[in-house]
């Protein structure tokens, strides 16, 4: 049977790269986006052009009603969920914590933390043997920022990813005996459009000197780690956080 993978925030960057690679590896892929339907449809078209199966599913993971609809759509159109990739995440303009508004903090934690929790909850309800499921895998996207703290730039983002680190470890132990593996990929400095949202598109070039490998990573390099954790080659791996950081 074809395995079904849902990737949140998959219209661009790491999510889009993961969706395309998953399609190449034979997964039926649900490409979630919050607002950019055209970009999500483009990813779907790429997968279909290569002979794969994919659908686009719009929804804001910070909203519970949207999360429920996303998962119900996947159930209806693709079938039993095998893998959830909790990729959706945001950061905002670089600033110190003492300059941040409560609204900004709510937005970042709403998508990065609440969204990942809600999606993981719905995935467990479908995959767990406790609910009659056949098992599966959850791969969370975290960041090296959770260990560095991102001072003067994104302390809120870094803290939200610290929450994902902890959720990964706890949930892995909670559902290990129910057929579900839970792991995370901690991305380092990666060249994607997310730096535009932060107000500094050239950040990867500026920061590359701090990386032992002297370069930023690519979305494809992160996607390969995600697909490994999602697949059978990682069958005895759970509760792990795999760093794709160029050695930083």
C-alpha atoms as a PDB file:
ATOM      1  CA  UNK A   1       0.000   0.000   0.000  1.00  0.00           C
ATOM      2  CA  UNK A   2       1.155   3.542  -0.749  1.00  0.00           C
ATOM      3  CA  UNK A   3       2.258   5.403   2.346  1.00  0.00           C
ATOM      4  CA  UNK A   4       0.651   8.777   2.980  1.00  0.00           C
ATOM      5  CA  UNK A   5       2.679  11.759   4.194  1.00  0.00           C
ATOM      6  CA  UNK A   6       1.299  15.102   5.380  1.00  0.00           C
ATOM      7  CA  UNK A   7       3.787  17.978   5.373  1.00  0.00           C
ATOM      8  CA  UNK A   8       2.721  21.228   6.985  1.00  0.00           C
ATOM      9  CA  UNK A   9       4.025  24.492   5.557  1.00  0.00           C
ATOM     10  CA  UNK A  10       5.079  22.707   2.382  1.00  0.00           C
ATOM     11  CA  UNK A  11       4.591  25.394  -0.246  1.00  0.00           C
ATOM     12  CA  UNK A  12       8.198  26.593  -0.090  1.00  0.00           C
ATOM     13  CA  UNK A  13      11.639  25.981   1.371  1.00  0.00           C
ATOM     14  CA  UNK A  14      12.306  22.843   3.380  1.00  0.00           C
ATOM     15  CA  UNK A  15       8.676  21.752   3.238  1.00  0.00           C
ATOM     16  CA  UNK A  16       8.509  21.940  -0.550  1.00  0.00           C
ATOM     17  CA  UNK A  17      11.838  20.110  -0.927  1.00  0.00           C
ATOM     18  CA  UNK A  18      10.584  17.402   1.415  1.00  0.00           C
ATOM     19  CA  UNK A  19       7.327  17.060  -0.507  1.00  0.00           C
ATOM     20  CA  UNK A  20       9.104  16.639  -3.841  1.00  0.00           C
ATOM     21  CA  UNK A  21      11.529  14.082  -2.423  1.00  0.00           C
ATOM     22  CA  UNK A  22       8.697  12.187  -0.744  1.00  0.00           C
ATOM     23  CA  UNK A  23       6.867  12.045  -4.063  1.00  0.00           C
ATOM     24  CA  UNK A  24       9.988  10.642  -5.722  1.00  0.00           C
ATOM     25  CA  UNK A  25      10.172   7.971  -3.024  1.00  0.00           C
ATOM     26  CA  UNK A  26       6.613   6.834  -3.638  1.00  0.00           C
ATOM     27  CA  UNK A  27       4.661   8.567  -0.910  1.00  0.00           C
ATOM     28  CA  UNK A  28       1.243  10.062  -1.576  1.00  0.00           C
ATOM     29  CA  UNK A  29       1.845  13.606  -0.351  1.00  0.00           C
ATOM     30  CA  UNK A  30      -0.468  16.163   1.211  1.00  0.00           C
ATOM     31  CA  UNK A  31       1.073  19.609   0.678  1.00  0.00           C
ATOM     32  CA  UNK A  32      -0.236  21.994   3.307  1.00  0.00           C
ATOM     33  CA  UNK A  33       0.020  25.772   3.052  1.00  0.00           C
ATOM     34  CA  UNK A  34      -1.514  28.553   5.062  1.00  0.00           C
ATOM     35  CA  UNK A  35      -1.935  31.249   2.412  1.00  0.00           C
ATOM     36  CA  UNK A  36       0.140  30.536  -0.673  1.00  0.00           C
ATOM     37  CA  UNK A  37      -2.184  28.242  -2.598  1.00  0.00           C
ATOM     38  CA  UNK A  38      -0.421  28.911  -5.918  1.00  0.00           C
ATOM     39  CA  UNK A  39       2.934  27.774  -4.552  1.00  0.00           C
ATOM     40  CA  UNK A  40       1.371  24.662  -2.982  1.00  0.00           C
ATOM     41  CA  UNK A  41      -0.323  23.811  -6.269  1.00  0.00           C
ATOM     42  CA  UNK A  42       3.020  24.211  -8.035  1.00  0.00           C
ATOM     43  CA  UNK A  43       4.618  21.663  -5.685  1.00  0.00           C
ATOM     44  CA  UNK A  44       1.714  19.285  -6.323  1.00  0.00           C
ATOM     45  CA  UNK A  45       2.141  19.749 -10.072  1.00  0.00           C
ATOM     46  CA  UNK A  46       5.858  18.918  -9.795  1.00  0.00           C
ATOM     47  CA  UNK A  47       5.085  15.696  -7.949  1.00  0.00           C
ATOM     48  CA  UNK A  48       2.378  14.701 -10.397  1.00  0.00           C
ATOM     49  CA  UNK A  49       4.639  15.482 -13.363  1.00  0.00           C
ATOM     50  CA  UNK A  50       7.104  12.941 -11.982  1.00  0.00           C
ATOM     51  CA  UNK A  51       4.386  10.303 -11.757  1.00  0.00           C
ATOM     52  CA  UNK A  52       3.528  10.789  -8.096  1.00  0.00           C
ATOM     53  CA  UNK A  53       0.329  11.426  -6.178  1.00  0.00           C
ATOM     54  CA  UNK A  54      -0.228  14.659  -4.269  1.00  0.00           C
ATOM     55  CA  UNK A  55      -2.914  17.062  -3.086  1.00  0.00           C
ATOM     56  CA  UNK A  56      -2.794  20.629  -1.795  1.00  0.00           C
ATOM     57  CA  UNK A  57      -4.536  21.306   1.522  1.00  0.00           C
ATOM     58  CA  UNK A  58      -4.960  24.875   2.740  1.00  0.00           C
ATOM     59  CA  UNK A  59      -5.101  25.625   6.435  1.00  0.00           C
ATOM     60  CA  UNK A  60      -3.503  27.531   9.312  1.00  0.00           C
ATOM     61  CA  UNK A  61      -2.036  25.030  11.783  1.00  0.00           C
ATOM     62  CA  UNK A  62      -2.382  27.563  14.595  1.00  0.00           C
ATOM     63  CA  UNK A  63      -6.173  27.206  14.289  1.00  0.00           C
ATOM     64  CA  UNK A  64      -7.654  23.999  15.663  1.00  0.00           C
ATOM     65  CA  UNK A  65     -10.594  24.037  13.258  1.00  0.00           C
ATOM     66  CA  UNK A  66      -8.183  24.243  10.317  1.00  0.00           C
ATOM     67  CA  UNK A  67      -6.064  21.388  11.673  1.00  0.00           C
ATOM     68  CA  UNK A  68      -9.123  19.159  11.984  1.00  0.00           C
ATOM     69  CA  UNK A  69     -10.136  19.983   8.410  1.00  0.00           C
ATOM     70  CA  UNK A  70      -6.625  19.343   7.070  1.00  0.00           C
ATOM     71  CA  UNK A  71      -6.509  15.865   8.583  1.00  0.00           C
ATOM     72  CA  UNK A  72     -10.059  15.027   7.521  1.00  0.00           C
ATOM     73  CA  UNK A  73      -9.178  16.035   3.957  1.00  0.00           C
ATOM     74  CA  UNK A  74      -6.124  13.765   3.983  1.00  0.00           C
ATOM     75  CA  UNK A  75      -8.267  10.899   5.350  1.00  0.00           C
ATOM     76  CA  UNK A  76     -10.809  11.386   2.594  1.00  0.00           C
ATOM     77  CA  UNK A  77      -8.555  11.997  -0.395  1.00  0.00           C
ATOM     78  CA  UNK A  78      -5.402   9.981   0.320  1.00  0.00           C
ATOM     79  CA  UNK A  79      -6.295   7.454   3.002  1.00  0.00           C
ATOM     80  CA  UNK A  80      -4.555   6.327   6.167  1.00  0.00           C
ATOM     81  CA  UNK A  81      -1.821   8.656   7.353  1.00  0.00           C
ATOM     82  CA  UNK A  82       1.639   7.102   7.633  1.00  0.00           C
ATOM     83  CA  UNK A  83       3.905  10.095   8.283  1.00  0.00           C
ATOM     84  CA  UNK A  84       3.419  13.602   9.646  1.00  0.00           C
ATOM     85  CA  UNK A  85       6.140  16.171   9.027  1.00  0.00           C
ATOM     86  CA  UNK A  86       5.594  19.108  11.367  1.00  0.00           C
ATOM     87  CA  UNK A  87       7.393  21.649   9.219  1.00  0.00           C
ATOM     88  CA  UNK A  88       5.218  24.777   9.403  1.00  0.00           C
ATOM     89  CA  UNK A  89       7.020  27.530  11.243  1.00  0.00           C
ATOM     90  CA  UNK A  90       7.448  31.288  11.210  1.00  0.00           C
ATOM     91  CA  UNK A  91       9.844  33.897  12.444  1.00  0.00           C
ATOM     92  CA  UNK A  92       9.501  37.641  12.388  1.00  0.00           C
ATOM     93  CA  UNK A  93      11.745  40.663  11.967  1.00  0.00           C
ATOM     94  CA  UNK A  94      15.012  40.608  13.867  1.00  0.00           C
ATOM     95  CA  UNK A  95      14.797  42.427  17.186  1.00  0.00           C
ATOM     96  CA  UNK A  96      15.622  42.198  20.881  1.00  0.00           C
ATOM     97  CA  UNK A  97      13.160  40.595  23.272  1.00  0.00           C
ATOM     98  CA  UNK A  98      12.536  43.922  25.033  1.00  0.00           C
ATOM     99  CA  UNK A  99      11.193  45.289  21.734  1.00  0.00           C
ATOM    100  CA  UNK A 100       8.759  42.419  21.050  1.00  0.00           C
ATOM    101  CA  UNK A 101       5.001  42.808  21.282  1.00  0.00           C
ATOM    102  CA  UNK A 102       2.744  40.250  22.906  1.00  0.00           C
ATOM    103  CA  UNK A 103       1.010  39.812  19.554  1.00  0.00           C
ATOM    104  CA  UNK A 104       4.275  38.825  17.876  1.00  0.00           C
ATOM    105  CA  UNK A 105       5.059  36.281  20.585  1.00  0.00           C
ATOM    106  CA  UNK A 106       1.553  34.839  20.262  1.00  0.00           C
ATOM    107  CA  UNK A 107       1.917  34.516  16.485  1.00  0.00           C
ATOM    108  CA  UNK A 108       5.261  32.727  16.681  1.00  0.00           C
ATOM    109  CA  UNK A 109       4.219  30.327  19.423  1.00  0.00           C
ATOM    110  CA  UNK A 110       0.805  29.822  17.819  1.00  0.00           C
ATOM    111  CA  UNK A 111       2.253  28.409  14.612  1.00  0.00           C
ATOM    112  CA  UNK A 112       5.493  26.889  15.846  1.00  0.00           C
ATOM    113  CA  UNK A 113       4.286  25.285  19.069  1.00  0.00           C
ATOM    114  CA  UNK A 114       0.492  25.029  19.181  1.00  0.00           C
ATOM    115  CA  UNK A 115       0.379  24.061  15.518  1.00  0.00           C
ATOM    116  CA  UNK A 116       2.890  21.252  15.987  1.00  0.00           C
ATOM    117  CA  UNK A 117       1.086  19.990  19.093  1.00  0.00           C
ATOM    118  CA  UNK A 118      -2.315  19.967  17.402  1.00  0.00           C
ATOM    119  CA  UNK A 119      -1.019  18.211  14.299  1.00  0.00           C
ATOM    120  CA  UNK A 120       0.848  15.636  16.379  1.00  0.00           C
ATOM    121  CA  UNK A 121      -2.319  14.996  18.364  1.00  0.00           C
ATOM    122  CA  UNK A 122      -4.342  14.297  15.247  1.00  0.00           C
ATOM    123  CA  UNK A 123      -1.579  12.102  13.816  1.00  0.00           C
ATOM    124  CA  UNK A 124      -1.417  10.010  16.999  1.00  0.00           C
ATOM    125  CA  UNK A 125      -5.180   9.542  16.947  1.00  0.00           C
ATOM    126  CA  UNK A 126      -4.830   8.023  13.480  1.00  0.00           C
ATOM    127  CA  UNK A 127      -1.563   6.094  13.772  1.00  0.00           C
ATOM    128  CA  UNK A 128      -1.530   4.723  17.308  1.00  0.00           C
ATOM    129  CA  UNK A 129      -2.405   1.082  17.933  1.00  0.00           C
ATOM    130  CA  UNK A 130      -4.257   2.413  20.976  1.00  0.00           C
ATOM    131  CA  UNK A 131      -6.817   3.814  18.519  1.00  0.00           C
ATOM    132  CA  UNK A 132      -6.726   0.875  16.125  1.00  0.00           C
ATOM    133  CA  UNK A 133      -4.035   2.372  13.905  1.00  0.00           C
ATOM    134  CA  UNK A 134      -1.099   0.609  12.285  1.00  0.00           C
ATOM    135  CA  UNK A 135       1.679   2.864  13.527  1.00  0.00           C
ATOM    136  CA  UNK A 136       3.635   5.534  11.723  1.00  0.00           C
ATOM    137  CA  UNK A 137       6.207   8.269  12.113  1.00  0.00           C
ATOM    138  CA  UNK A 138       6.241  11.909  13.134  1.00  0.00           C
ATOM    139  CA  UNK A 139       9.165  14.119  12.162  1.00  0.00           C
ATOM    140  CA  UNK A 140       9.294  17.558  13.762  1.00  0.00           C
ATOM    141  CA  UNK A 141      11.307  20.456  12.388  1.00  0.00           C
ATOM    142  CA  UNK A 142      13.364  22.204  15.002  1.00  0.00           C
ATOM    143  CA  UNK A 143      16.393  24.445  14.823  1.00  0.00           C
ATOM    144  CA  UNK A 144      19.903  24.774  16.158  1.00  0.00           C
ATOM    145  CA  UNK A 145      18.605  28.131  17.379  1.00  0.00           C
ATOM    146  CA  UNK A 146      17.034  26.300  20.329  1.00  0.00           C
ATOM    147  CA  UNK A 147      20.548  25.617  21.658  1.00  0.00           C
ATOM    148  CA  UNK A 148      22.087  28.951  20.666  1.00  0.00           C
ATOM    149  CA  UNK A 149      19.254  31.264  21.714  1.00  0.00           C
ATOM    150  CA  UNK A 150      19.456  33.679  18.737  1.00  0.00           C
ATOM    151  CA  UNK A 151      20.172  36.808  20.835  1.00  0.00           C
ATOM    152  CA  UNK A 152      19.330  40.165  19.251  1.00  0.00           C
ATOM    153  CA  UNK A 153      17.435  38.396  16.476  1.00  0.00           C
ATOM    154  CA  UNK A 154      14.832  35.730  17.272  1.00  0.00           C
ATOM    155  CA  UNK A 155      14.749  34.697  20.930  1.00  0.00           C
ATOM    156  CA  UNK A 156      11.034  33.964  20.520  1.00  0.00           C
ATOM    157  CA  UNK A 157      11.663  31.666  17.547  1.00  0.00           C
ATOM    158  CA  UNK A 158      14.538  29.933  19.352  1.00  0.00           C
ATOM    159  CA  UNK A 159      12.383  29.366  22.433  1.00  0.00           C
ATOM    160  CA  UNK A 160       9.538  27.976  20.331  1.00  0.00           C
ATOM    161  CA  UNK A 161      11.946  25.442  18.838  1.00  0.00           C
ATOM    162  CA  UNK A 162      13.130  24.550  22.346  1.00  0.00           C
ATOM    163  CA  UNK A 163       9.529  23.581  23.044  1.00  0.00           C
ATOM    164  CA  UNK A 164       9.562  21.340  19.960  1.00  0.00           C
ATOM    165  CA  UNK A 165      12.746  19.640  21.165  1.00  0.00           C
ATOM    166  CA  UNK A 166      11.056  18.789  24.455  1.00  0.00           C
ATOM    167  CA  UNK A 167       7.816  17.700  22.801  1.00  0.00           C
ATOM    168  CA  UNK A 168       9.786  15.375  20.514  1.00  0.00           C
ATOM    169  CA  UNK A 169      11.480  13.642  23.432  1.00  0.00           C
ATOM    170  CA  UNK A 170       8.343  13.339  25.538  1.00  0.00           C
ATOM    171  CA  UNK A 171       5.997  12.225  22.775  1.00  0.00           C
ATOM    172  CA  UNK A 172       8.509   9.663  21.503  1.00  0.00           C
ATOM    173  CA  UNK A 173       8.420   7.935  24.894  1.00  0.00           C
ATOM    174  CA  UNK A 174       4.661   8.330  25.197  1.00  0.00           C
ATOM    175  CA  UNK A 175       3.816   6.509  21.955  1.00  0.00           C
ATOM    176  CA  UNK A 176       6.818   4.219  21.393  1.00  0.00           C
ATOM    177  CA  UNK A 177       4.859   1.127  22.423  1.00  0.00           C
ATOM    178  CA  UNK A 178       1.967   2.161  20.158  1.00  0.00           C
ATOM    179  CA  UNK A 179       3.856   1.816  16.881  1.00  0.00           C
ATOM    180  CA  UNK A 180       4.790   5.469  16.404  1.00  0.00           C
ATOM    181  CA  UNK A 181       8.310   6.823  16.103  1.00  0.00           C
ATOM    182  CA  UNK A 182       8.832  10.521  16.866  1.00  0.00           C
ATOM    183  CA  UNK A 183      12.021  12.295  15.868  1.00  0.00           C
ATOM    184  CA  UNK A 184      13.171  15.748  14.850  1.00  0.00           C
ATOM    185  CA  UNK A 185      15.562  17.397  12.445  1.00  0.00           C
ATOM    186  CA  UNK A 186      17.385  20.435  13.799  1.00  0.00           C
ATOM    187  CA  UNK A 187      18.230  22.653  10.866  1.00  0.00           C
ATOM    188  CA  UNK A 188      21.077  25.095  10.981  1.00  0.00           C
ATOM    189  CA  UNK A 189      21.697  28.011   8.652  1.00  0.00           C
ATOM    190  CA  UNK A 190      19.718  27.050   5.541  1.00  0.00           C
ATOM    191  CA  UNK A 191      19.196  29.095   2.387  1.00  0.00           C
ATOM    192  CA  UNK A 192      15.410  29.545   2.141  1.00  0.00           C
ATOM    193  CA  UNK A 193      12.898  32.386   1.797  1.00  0.00           C
ATOM    194  CA  UNK A 194      12.371  32.498   5.571  1.00  0.00           C
ATOM    195  CA  UNK A 195      15.210  35.018   5.810  1.00  0.00           C
ATOM    196  CA  UNK A 196      13.158  37.446   3.711  1.00  0.00           C
ATOM    197  CA  UNK A 197      10.480  37.448   6.429  1.00  0.00           C
ATOM    198  CA  UNK A 198      13.178  38.283   8.952  1.00  0.00           C
ATOM    199  CA  UNK A 199      14.143  41.340   6.951  1.00  0.00           C
ATOM    200  CA  UNK A 200      17.577  40.121   5.873  1.00  0.00           C
ATOM    201  CA  UNK A 201      17.547  38.026   2.672  1.00  0.00           C
ATOM    202  CA  UNK A 202      21.343  37.905   2.679  1.00  0.00           C
ATOM    203  CA  UNK A 203      21.644  36.470   6.189  1.00  0.00           C
ATOM    204  CA  UNK A 204      22.971  33.039   5.045  1.00  0.00           C
ATOM    205  CA  UNK A 205      25.827  34.740   3.208  1.00  0.00           C
ATOM    206  CA  UNK A 206      26.592  36.990   6.180  1.00  0.00           C
ATOM    207  CA  UNK A 207      26.548  34.146   8.696  1.00  0.00           C
ATOM    208  CA  UNK A 208      28.326  31.416   6.747  1.00  0.00           C
ATOM    209  CA  UNK A 209      31.695  32.234   8.290  1.00  0.00           C
ATOM    210  CA  UNK A 210      30.378  30.999  11.650  1.00  0.00           C
ATOM    211  CA  UNK A 211      29.716  27.545  10.165  1.00  0.00           C
ATOM    212  CA  UNK A 212      32.597  25.031  10.284  1.00  0.00           C
ATOM    213  CA  UNK A 213      31.745  23.928   6.737  1.00  0.00           C
ATOM    214  CA  UNK A 214      31.846  27.604   5.677  1.00  0.00           C
ATOM    215  CA  UNK A 215      28.517  27.574   3.863  1.00  0.00           C
ATOM    216  CA  UNK A 216      24.792  27.564   4.423  1.00  0.00           C
ATOM    217  CA  UNK A 217      22.891  24.338   3.876  1.00  0.00           C
ATOM    218  CA  UNK A 218      20.187  23.663   1.320  1.00  0.00           C
ATOM    219  CA  UNK A 219      16.562  22.686   1.733  1.00  0.00           C
ATOM    220  CA  UNK A 220      17.297  19.443  -0.109  1.00  0.00           C
ATOM    221  CA  UNK A 221      19.941  18.486   2.458  1.00  0.00           C
ATOM    222  CA  UNK A 222      17.421  18.891   5.263  1.00  0.00           C
ATOM    223  CA  UNK A 223      14.749  17.029   3.290  1.00  0.00           C
ATOM    224  CA  UNK A 224      16.984  13.971   2.962  1.00  0.00           C
ATOM    225  CA  UNK A 225      17.344  13.760   6.741  1.00  0.00           C
ATOM    226  CA  UNK A 226      13.586  14.098   7.171  1.00  0.00           C
ATOM    227  CA  UNK A 227      12.884  11.300   4.701  1.00  0.00           C
ATOM    228  CA  UNK A 228      15.408   9.031   6.412  1.00  0.00           C
ATOM    229  CA  UNK A 229      13.722   9.501   9.787  1.00  0.00           C
ATOM    230  CA  UNK A 230      10.316   8.944   8.191  1.00  0.00           C
ATOM    231  CA  UNK A 231      11.312   5.678   6.540  1.00  0.00           C
ATOM    232  CA  UNK A 232      11.981   2.090   7.481  1.00  0.00           C
ATOM    233  CA  UNK A 233      15.756   2.584   7.522  1.00  0.00           C
ATOM    234  CA  UNK A 234      15.218   4.455  10.801  1.00  0.00           C
ATOM    235  CA  UNK A 235      13.041   1.700  12.274  1.00  0.00           C
ATOM    236  CA  UNK A 236      14.901   1.637  15.625  1.00  0.00           C
ATOM    237  CA  UNK A 237      15.257   5.407  15.920  1.00  0.00           C
ATOM    238  CA  UNK A 238      12.886   7.401  18.107  1.00  0.00           C
ATOM    239  CA  UNK A 239      13.308  10.368  20.409  1.00  0.00           C
ATOM    240  CA  UNK A 240      16.302  11.546  18.364  1.00  0.00           C
ATOM    241  CA  UNK A 241      17.114  15.056  17.196  1.00  0.00           C
ATOM    242  CA  UNK A 242      19.284  14.875  14.088  1.00  0.00           C
ATOM    243  CA  UNK A 243      21.326  18.001  13.440  1.00  0.00           C
ATOM    244  CA  UNK A 244      21.789  19.265   9.875  1.00  0.00           C
ATOM    245  CA  UNK A 245      23.913  22.257  10.744  1.00  0.00           C
ATOM    246  CA  UNK A 246      27.226  22.099   8.912  1.00  0.00           C
ATOM    247  CA  UNK A 247      28.958  21.355  12.215  1.00  0.00           C
ATOM    248  CA  UNK A 248      27.826  24.394  14.172  1.00  0.00           C
END
